[in-house]
Amino acid sequence: SEDADTAAEVGASEHQTGLALDVYVQYYAGDGFLKSEAGQFVNGHCQDYGFIIRYPRGKEHITGIRFEPWHIRYTGVPHAEFIASNGLTLEEYVDMLEPDKFYELDEYVVSRQRGSDFYVPAEYTELTISPDNTGYYILTAKRG
């Protein structure tokens, strides 16, 4: 049986959301992942494709999970790039988004809102609405 340092309890895994996955390279499991070419690429470029290293090194006190360079989570391109370039965890990023405030990330606008009626400036299109698991929603819209 695996302990809490190795695996999340049943029903508590991000994998069940379909947003997270573990990348595996034969002969480079676990911490050895970073020694592989694929592991180095994932850790250096996953944000370019909308993914983050979900449990980054040195952030165990925030995430409650030890460094897992193989565990990536999809957040979307503007979010992943901001999180990675600022050395944040997903928790830190969500916490910094003040409710009902708008943030410009390159060609995107991001807002954290609550309720069922949302506001997005008219010049933005391609709206994505995602729950943030705190009762709010993160709205991401691309300038049209």
N, C-alpha and C. Protein backbone atom coordinates (compact mmCIF):
# COMPACT_ATOMS: atom_id res chain seq x y z
N SER A 1 0.84 -1.19 0.00
CA SER A 1 0.00 0.00 0.00
C SER A 1 0.88 1.24 0.00
N GLU A 2 0.43 2.27 -0.71
CA GLU A 2 1.20 3.51 -0.82
C GLU A 2 0.75 4.49 0.26
N ASP A 3 1.69 5.30 0.75
CA ASP A 3 1.31 6.28 1.77
C ASP A 3 1.00 7.62 1.13
N ALA A 4 0.61 8.59 1.95
CA ALA A 4 0.16 9.89 1.44
C ALA A 4 1.29 10.67 0.75
N ASP A 5 2.55 10.31 1.03
CA ASP A 5 3.65 10.99 0.35
C ASP A 5 3.81 10.50 -1.08
N THR A 6 3.22 9.35 -1.40
CA THR A 6 3.39 8.75 -2.71
C THR A 6 2.16 8.91 -3.58
N ALA A 7 0.97 8.81 -2.99
CA ALA A 7 -0.26 8.86 -3.78
C ALA A 7 -1.37 9.51 -2.98
N ALA A 8 -2.23 10.23 -3.68
CA ALA A 8 -3.39 10.85 -3.05
C ALA A 8 -4.40 9.77 -2.69
N GLU A 9 -5.20 10.06 -1.69
CA GLU A 9 -6.25 9.12 -1.29
C GLU A 9 -7.28 9.01 -2.41
N VAL A 10 -7.98 7.89 -2.43
CA VAL A 10 -9.02 7.66 -3.42
C VAL A 10 -10.03 8.81 -3.35
N GLY A 11 -10.36 9.37 -4.51
CA GLY A 11 -11.30 10.47 -4.58
C GLY A 11 -10.67 11.85 -4.43
N ALA A 12 -9.38 11.91 -4.10
CA ALA A 12 -8.71 13.18 -3.89
C ALA A 12 -7.63 13.48 -4.93
N SER A 13 -7.54 12.66 -5.95
CA SER A 13 -6.49 12.81 -6.95
C SER A 13 -6.90 13.78 -8.06
N GLU A 14 -5.98 14.65 -8.45
CA GLU A 14 -6.21 15.54 -9.59
C GLU A 14 -6.37 14.76 -10.89
N HIS A 15 -5.83 13.56 -10.93
CA HIS A 15 -5.95 12.75 -12.14
C HIS A 15 -7.41 12.46 -12.47
N GLN A 16 -8.25 12.38 -11.47
CA GLN A 16 -9.66 12.07 -11.68
C GLN A 16 -10.40 13.22 -12.36
N THR A 17 -9.85 14.42 -12.35
CA THR A 17 -10.47 15.56 -13.02
C THR A 17 -10.23 15.52 -14.52
N GLY A 18 -9.21 14.78 -14.93
CA GLY A 18 -8.83 14.77 -16.34
C GLY A 18 -7.91 15.93 -16.70
N LEU A 19 -7.54 16.75 -15.72
CA LEU A 19 -6.68 17.91 -15.97
C LEU A 19 -5.21 17.64 -15.68
N ALA A 20 -4.93 16.54 -14.97
CA ALA A 20 -3.55 16.25 -14.57
C ALA A 20 -3.13 14.88 -15.08
N LEU A 21 -1.82 14.75 -15.29
CA LEU A 21 -1.29 13.47 -15.72
C LEU A 21 0.15 13.33 -15.27
N ASP A 22 0.60 12.10 -15.19
CA ASP A 22 1.99 11.80 -14.89
C ASP A 22 2.68 11.38 -16.17
N VAL A 23 3.84 11.96 -16.42
CA VAL A 23 4.63 11.62 -17.60
C VAL A 23 5.67 10.59 -17.15
N TYR A 24 5.75 9.51 -17.88
CA TYR A 24 6.66 8.42 -17.53
C TYR A 24 7.63 8.15 -18.68
N VAL A 25 8.90 7.98 -18.32
CA VAL A 25 9.92 7.59 -19.28
C VAL A 25 10.56 6.32 -18.75
N GLN A 26 10.53 5.26 -19.56
CA GLN A 26 11.09 3.98 -19.13
C GLN A 26 12.52 4.16 -18.65
N TYR A 27 12.84 3.57 -17.51
CA TYR A 27 14.13 3.62 -16.85
C TYR A 27 14.41 4.95 -16.15
N TYR A 28 13.45 5.88 -16.16
CA TYR A 28 13.63 7.18 -15.53
C TYR A 28 12.44 7.53 -14.64
N ALA A 29 11.98 6.57 -13.88
CA ALA A 29 10.80 6.79 -13.03
C ALA A 29 11.15 7.66 -11.83
N GLY A 30 10.11 8.25 -11.25
CA GLY A 30 10.27 9.05 -10.03
C GLY A 30 11.21 10.22 -10.23
N ASP A 31 12.06 10.44 -9.22
CA ASP A 31 12.98 11.57 -9.27
C ASP A 31 13.97 11.49 -10.43
N GLY A 32 14.20 10.31 -10.97
CA GLY A 32 15.08 10.16 -12.12
C GLY A 32 14.51 10.76 -13.39
N PHE A 33 13.23 11.12 -13.37
CA PHE A 33 12.57 11.71 -14.54
C PHE A 33 13.36 12.90 -15.09
N LEU A 34 13.90 13.73 -14.22
CA LEU A 34 14.63 14.92 -14.66
C LEU A 34 15.95 14.59 -15.34
N LYS A 35 16.42 13.36 -15.20
CA LYS A 35 17.66 12.96 -15.87
C LYS A 35 17.41 12.55 -17.31
N SER A 36 16.15 12.41 -17.68
CA SER A 36 15.83 12.03 -19.06
C SER A 36 15.65 13.28 -19.92
N GLU A 37 15.86 13.10 -21.21
CA GLU A 37 15.66 14.22 -22.15
C GLU A 37 14.21 14.70 -22.12
N ALA A 38 13.28 13.76 -22.07
CA ALA A 38 11.86 14.11 -22.02
C ALA A 38 11.53 14.86 -20.74
N GLY A 39 12.09 14.43 -19.62
CA GLY A 39 11.85 15.09 -18.34
C GLY A 39 12.36 16.52 -18.33
N GLN A 40 13.52 16.73 -18.92
CA GLN A 40 14.08 18.08 -19.01
C GLN A 40 13.22 18.96 -19.92
N PHE A 41 12.72 18.38 -21.00
CA PHE A 41 11.85 19.14 -21.91
C PHE A 41 10.54 19.51 -21.21
N VAL A 42 9.92 18.54 -20.57
CA VAL A 42 8.65 18.79 -19.87
C VAL A 42 8.83 19.89 -18.84
N ASN A 43 9.87 19.81 -18.04
CA ASN A 43 10.08 20.79 -16.99
C ASN A 43 10.52 22.16 -17.50
N GLY A 44 11.05 22.20 -18.70
CA GLY A 44 11.46 23.48 -19.27
C GLY A 44 10.46 24.13 -20.20
N HIS A 45 9.50 23.32 -20.72
CA HIS A 45 8.61 23.85 -21.75
C HIS A 45 7.13 23.54 -21.60
N CYS A 46 6.73 22.83 -20.57
CA CYS A 46 5.31 22.44 -20.49
C CYS A 46 4.38 23.66 -20.47
N GLN A 47 4.85 24.78 -19.92
CA GLN A 47 4.02 25.98 -19.87
C GLN A 47 3.71 26.52 -21.27
N ASP A 48 4.56 26.22 -22.24
CA ASP A 48 4.32 26.65 -23.62
C ASP A 48 3.09 25.98 -24.23
N TYR A 49 2.68 24.89 -23.61
CA TYR A 49 1.53 24.11 -24.10
C TYR A 49 0.35 24.15 -23.13
N GLY A 50 0.43 25.04 -22.13
CA GLY A 50 -0.68 25.22 -21.20
C GLY A 50 -0.62 24.36 -19.95
N PHE A 51 0.52 23.70 -19.68
CA PHE A 51 0.66 22.84 -18.51
C PHE A 51 1.61 23.46 -17.49
N ILE A 52 1.44 23.10 -16.24
CA ILE A 52 2.37 23.51 -15.18
C ILE A 52 2.90 22.27 -14.48
N ILE A 53 4.07 22.41 -13.86
CA ILE A 53 4.54 21.38 -12.92
C ILE A 53 3.70 21.63 -11.67
N ARG A 54 2.81 20.71 -11.40
CA ARG A 54 1.81 20.94 -10.35
C ARG A 54 2.41 21.04 -8.96
N TYR A 55 3.45 20.26 -8.70
CA TYR A 55 4.07 20.27 -7.37
C TYR A 55 5.55 20.64 -7.51
N PRO A 56 5.84 21.95 -7.64
CA PRO A 56 7.22 22.38 -7.90
C PRO A 56 8.13 22.25 -6.67
N ARG A 57 9.42 22.20 -6.96
CA ARG A 57 10.44 22.11 -5.91
C ARG A 57 10.38 23.37 -5.02
N GLY A 58 10.52 23.14 -3.73
CA GLY A 58 10.55 24.24 -2.77
C GLY A 58 9.19 24.79 -2.39
N LYS A 59 8.13 24.21 -2.89
CA LYS A 59 6.78 24.72 -2.59
C LYS A 59 5.94 23.70 -1.82
N GLU A 60 6.61 22.71 -1.23
CA GLU A 60 5.90 21.65 -0.51
C GLU A 60 5.05 22.21 0.63
N HIS A 61 5.53 23.30 1.26
CA HIS A 61 4.78 23.91 2.36
C HIS A 61 3.48 24.55 1.89
N ILE A 62 3.35 24.79 0.59
CA ILE A 62 2.12 25.37 0.04
C ILE A 62 1.22 24.28 -0.52
N THR A 63 1.78 23.37 -1.30
CA THR A 63 0.96 22.34 -1.94
C THR A 63 0.66 21.15 -1.04
N GLY A 64 1.53 20.91 -0.06
CA GLY A 64 1.37 19.75 0.80
C GLY A 64 1.86 18.46 0.14
N ILE A 65 2.45 18.57 -1.05
CA ILE A 65 2.95 17.43 -1.80
C ILE A 65 4.41 17.68 -2.15
N ARG A 66 5.22 16.64 -2.03
CA ARG A 66 6.65 16.80 -2.37
C ARG A 66 6.82 17.07 -3.87
N PHE A 67 7.98 17.56 -4.24
CA PHE A 67 8.32 17.86 -5.63
C PHE A 67 8.06 16.65 -6.51
N GLU A 68 7.25 16.84 -7.55
CA GLU A 68 6.96 15.79 -8.52
C GLU A 68 7.13 16.37 -9.93
N PRO A 69 8.34 16.27 -10.49
CA PRO A 69 8.60 16.87 -11.80
C PRO A 69 7.86 16.19 -12.94
N TRP A 70 7.29 15.04 -12.70
CA TRP A 70 6.57 14.28 -13.72
C TRP A 70 5.07 14.55 -13.72
N HIS A 71 4.57 15.22 -12.69
CA HIS A 71 3.12 15.46 -12.54
C HIS A 71 2.78 16.84 -13.11
N ILE A 72 2.08 16.85 -14.24
CA ILE A 72 1.73 18.12 -14.86
C ILE A 72 0.22 18.30 -14.86
N ARG A 73 -0.20 19.56 -14.88
CA ARG A 73 -1.63 19.87 -14.87
C ARG A 73 -1.92 20.92 -15.92
N TYR A 74 -3.03 20.75 -16.61
CA TYR A 74 -3.44 21.71 -17.62
C TYR A 74 -4.15 22.89 -16.96
N THR A 75 -3.66 24.10 -17.25
CA THR A 75 -4.31 25.33 -16.77
C THR A 75 -4.66 26.26 -17.92
N GLY A 76 -4.09 26.01 -19.10
CA GLY A 76 -4.25 26.90 -20.24
C GLY A 76 -3.02 27.75 -20.41
N VAL A 77 -2.78 28.18 -21.64
CA VAL A 77 -1.54 28.89 -21.98
C VAL A 77 -1.32 30.17 -21.17
N PRO A 78 -2.26 31.10 -21.11
CA PRO A 78 -1.87 32.33 -20.41
C PRO A 78 -1.58 32.08 -18.93
N HIS A 79 -2.33 31.17 -18.32
CA HIS A 79 -2.14 30.89 -16.90
C HIS A 79 -0.83 30.16 -16.66
N ALA A 80 -0.57 29.12 -17.45
CA ALA A 80 0.65 28.33 -17.27
C ALA A 80 1.89 29.17 -17.46
N GLU A 81 1.89 30.01 -18.47
CA GLU A 81 3.06 30.86 -18.72
C GLU A 81 3.29 31.82 -17.56
N PHE A 82 2.22 32.41 -17.02
CA PHE A 82 2.36 33.34 -15.90
C PHE A 82 2.83 32.61 -14.64
N ILE A 83 2.23 31.47 -14.36
CA ILE A 83 2.60 30.69 -13.18
C ILE A 83 4.08 30.30 -13.25
N ALA A 84 4.51 29.78 -14.39
CA ALA A 84 5.90 29.35 -14.54
C ALA A 84 6.88 30.52 -14.47
N SER A 85 6.58 31.60 -15.17
CA SER A 85 7.53 32.72 -15.21
C SER A 85 7.63 33.45 -13.87
N ASN A 86 6.64 33.28 -13.01
CA ASN A 86 6.66 33.93 -11.70
C ASN A 86 6.96 32.96 -10.56
N GLY A 87 7.24 31.70 -10.89
CA GLY A 87 7.60 30.72 -9.87
C GLY A 87 6.50 30.43 -8.86
N LEU A 88 5.26 30.43 -9.34
CA LEU A 88 4.12 30.24 -8.45
C LEU A 88 3.61 28.80 -8.47
N THR A 89 2.84 28.47 -7.46
CA THR A 89 2.06 27.24 -7.48
C THR A 89 0.66 27.62 -7.95
N LEU A 90 -0.14 26.63 -8.28
CA LEU A 90 -1.53 26.90 -8.66
C LEU A 90 -2.26 27.59 -7.52
N GLU A 91 -2.01 27.17 -6.29
CA GLU A 91 -2.65 27.79 -5.12
C GLU A 91 -2.30 29.28 -5.01
N GLU A 92 -1.01 29.60 -5.18
CA GLU A 92 -0.58 30.99 -5.09
C GLU A 92 -1.21 31.83 -6.19
N TYR A 93 -1.29 31.27 -7.38
CA TYR A 93 -1.87 31.99 -8.51
C TYR A 93 -3.34 32.30 -8.27
N VAL A 94 -4.11 31.30 -7.88
CA VAL A 94 -5.54 31.52 -7.63
C VAL A 94 -5.73 32.54 -6.51
N ASP A 95 -4.92 32.44 -5.45
CA ASP A 95 -5.04 33.37 -4.33
C ASP A 95 -4.72 34.81 -4.73
N MET A 96 -3.85 35.02 -5.72
CA MET A 96 -3.49 36.39 -6.10
C MET A 96 -4.53 37.06 -7.00
N LEU A 97 -5.44 36.27 -7.58
CA LEU A 97 -6.48 36.84 -8.44
C LEU A 97 -7.61 37.40 -7.58
N GLU A 98 -7.62 38.71 -7.42
CA GLU A 98 -8.66 39.35 -6.61
C GLU A 98 -10.00 39.23 -7.32
N PRO A 99 -11.04 38.86 -6.58
CA PRO A 99 -12.36 38.71 -7.19
C PRO A 99 -12.81 39.98 -7.91
N ASP A 100 -13.41 39.79 -9.08
CA ASP A 100 -14.01 40.84 -9.90
C ASP A 100 -13.01 41.84 -10.48
N LYS A 101 -11.74 41.55 -10.38
CA LYS A 101 -10.71 42.40 -10.98
C LYS A 101 -10.28 41.75 -12.30
N PHE A 102 -9.88 42.56 -13.28
CA PHE A 102 -9.43 42.05 -14.57
C PHE A 102 -7.92 42.19 -14.69
N TYR A 103 -7.32 41.15 -15.24
CA TYR A 103 -5.88 41.10 -15.44
C TYR A 103 -5.62 40.85 -16.92
N GLU A 104 -4.69 41.58 -17.49
CA GLU A 104 -4.31 41.36 -18.88
C GLU A 104 -3.05 40.51 -18.92
N LEU A 105 -3.14 39.40 -19.61
CA LEU A 105 -2.00 38.51 -19.82
C LEU A 105 -1.83 38.37 -21.33
N ASP A 106 -0.92 39.15 -21.88
CA ASP A 106 -0.70 39.19 -23.32
C ASP A 106 -2.01 39.51 -24.03
N GLU A 107 -2.50 38.62 -24.88
CA GLU A 107 -3.73 38.88 -25.64
C GLU A 107 -4.98 38.38 -24.92
N TYR A 108 -4.84 38.06 -23.63
CA TYR A 108 -5.95 37.53 -22.86
C TYR A 108 -6.35 38.49 -21.73
N VAL A 109 -7.58 38.36 -21.29
CA VAL A 109 -8.02 39.01 -20.07
C VAL A 109 -8.50 37.89 -19.15
N VAL A 110 -8.14 38.00 -17.87
CA VAL A 110 -8.46 36.98 -16.88
C VAL A 110 -9.19 37.66 -15.73
N SER A 111 -10.22 37.00 -15.23
CA SER A 111 -10.97 37.53 -14.10
C SER A 111 -11.46 36.37 -13.25
N ARG A 112 -11.52 36.61 -11.96
CA ARG A 112 -12.05 35.62 -11.01
C ARG A 112 -13.37 36.16 -10.49
N GLN A 113 -14.44 35.45 -10.79
CA GLN A 113 -15.77 35.95 -10.45
C GLN A 113 -16.60 34.85 -9.79
N ARG A 114 -17.62 35.28 -9.07
CA ARG A 114 -18.52 34.35 -8.39
C ARG A 114 -19.93 34.58 -8.92
N GLY A 115 -20.74 33.54 -8.86
CA GLY A 115 -22.13 33.67 -9.26
C GLY A 115 -22.42 33.00 -10.58
N SER A 116 -23.53 33.41 -11.18
CA SER A 116 -23.93 32.81 -12.46
C SER A 116 -23.94 33.83 -13.59
N ASP A 117 -23.82 35.10 -13.28
CA ASP A 117 -23.73 36.16 -14.29
C ASP A 117 -22.30 36.68 -14.29
N PHE A 118 -21.64 36.61 -15.45
CA PHE A 118 -20.25 37.01 -15.55
C PHE A 118 -20.12 38.18 -16.50
N TYR A 119 -19.10 38.99 -16.27
CA TYR A 119 -18.84 40.14 -17.12
C TYR A 119 -17.47 39.96 -17.78
N VAL A 120 -17.42 40.17 -19.08
CA VAL A 120 -16.18 40.17 -19.85
C VAL A 120 -16.29 41.32 -20.83
N PRO A 121 -15.25 42.15 -20.97
CA PRO A 121 -15.30 43.25 -21.94
C PRO A 121 -15.65 42.74 -23.34
N ALA A 122 -16.40 43.52 -24.09
CA ALA A 122 -16.94 43.11 -25.39
C ALA A 122 -15.88 42.78 -26.43
N GLU A 123 -14.70 43.38 -26.33
CA GLU A 123 -13.67 43.14 -27.36
C GLU A 123 -12.97 41.79 -27.20
N TYR A 124 -13.37 41.01 -26.21
CA TYR A 124 -12.77 39.70 -25.99
C TYR A 124 -13.72 38.60 -26.42
N THR A 125 -13.16 37.52 -26.96
CA THR A 125 -13.95 36.39 -27.44
C THR A 125 -13.33 35.11 -26.88
N GLU A 126 -13.74 33.97 -27.41
CA GLU A 126 -13.17 32.68 -27.01
C GLU A 126 -13.13 32.54 -25.49
N LEU A 127 -14.24 32.75 -24.85
CA LEU A 127 -14.34 32.71 -23.40
C LEU A 127 -14.29 31.28 -22.87
N THR A 128 -13.48 31.09 -21.84
CA THR A 128 -13.41 29.83 -21.11
C THR A 128 -13.73 30.14 -19.65
N ILE A 129 -14.60 29.34 -19.05
CA ILE A 129 -14.96 29.52 -17.65
C ILE A 129 -14.63 28.23 -16.91
N SER A 130 -13.80 28.33 -15.87
CA SER A 130 -13.36 27.16 -15.12
C SER A 130 -13.56 27.38 -13.63
N PRO A 131 -14.16 26.43 -12.92
CA PRO A 131 -14.25 26.58 -11.46
C PRO A 131 -12.86 26.51 -10.85
N ASP A 132 -12.64 27.26 -9.77
CA ASP A 132 -11.32 27.25 -9.13
C ASP A 132 -11.30 26.45 -7.83
N ASN A 133 -12.39 25.74 -7.55
CA ASN A 133 -12.52 24.90 -6.36
C ASN A 133 -12.57 25.68 -5.05
N THR A 134 -12.82 26.99 -5.13
CA THR A 134 -13.00 27.79 -3.92
C THR A 134 -14.35 28.51 -3.95
N GLY A 135 -15.22 28.15 -4.92
CA GLY A 135 -16.51 28.81 -5.05
C GLY A 135 -16.53 29.90 -6.10
N TYR A 136 -15.39 30.19 -6.70
CA TYR A 136 -15.28 31.20 -7.75
C TYR A 136 -15.04 30.50 -9.08
N TYR A 137 -15.08 31.31 -10.14
CA TYR A 137 -14.78 30.84 -11.48
C TYR A 137 -13.69 31.73 -12.04
N ILE A 138 -12.80 31.14 -12.81
CA ILE A 138 -11.77 31.92 -13.51
C ILE A 138 -12.20 32.01 -14.96
N LEU A 139 -12.39 33.25 -15.41
CA LEU A 139 -12.78 33.52 -16.78
C LEU A 139 -11.54 33.92 -17.57
N THR A 140 -11.37 33.31 -18.72
CA THR A 140 -10.24 33.61 -19.59
C THR A 140 -10.81 33.89 -20.97
N ALA A 141 -10.51 35.07 -21.49
CA ALA A 141 -11.02 35.45 -22.81
C ALA A 141 -9.87 36.01 -23.63
N LYS A 142 -9.91 35.70 -24.90
CA LYS A 142 -8.88 36.16 -25.83
C LYS A 142 -9.40 37.37 -26.58
N ARG A 143 -8.50 38.35 -26.78
CA ARG A 143 -8.88 39.54 -27.52
C ARG A 143 -9.26 39.14 -28.93
N GLY A 144 -10.46 39.58 -29.38
CA GLY A 144 -11.00 39.14 -30.68
C GLY A 144 -10.64 39.95 -31.81
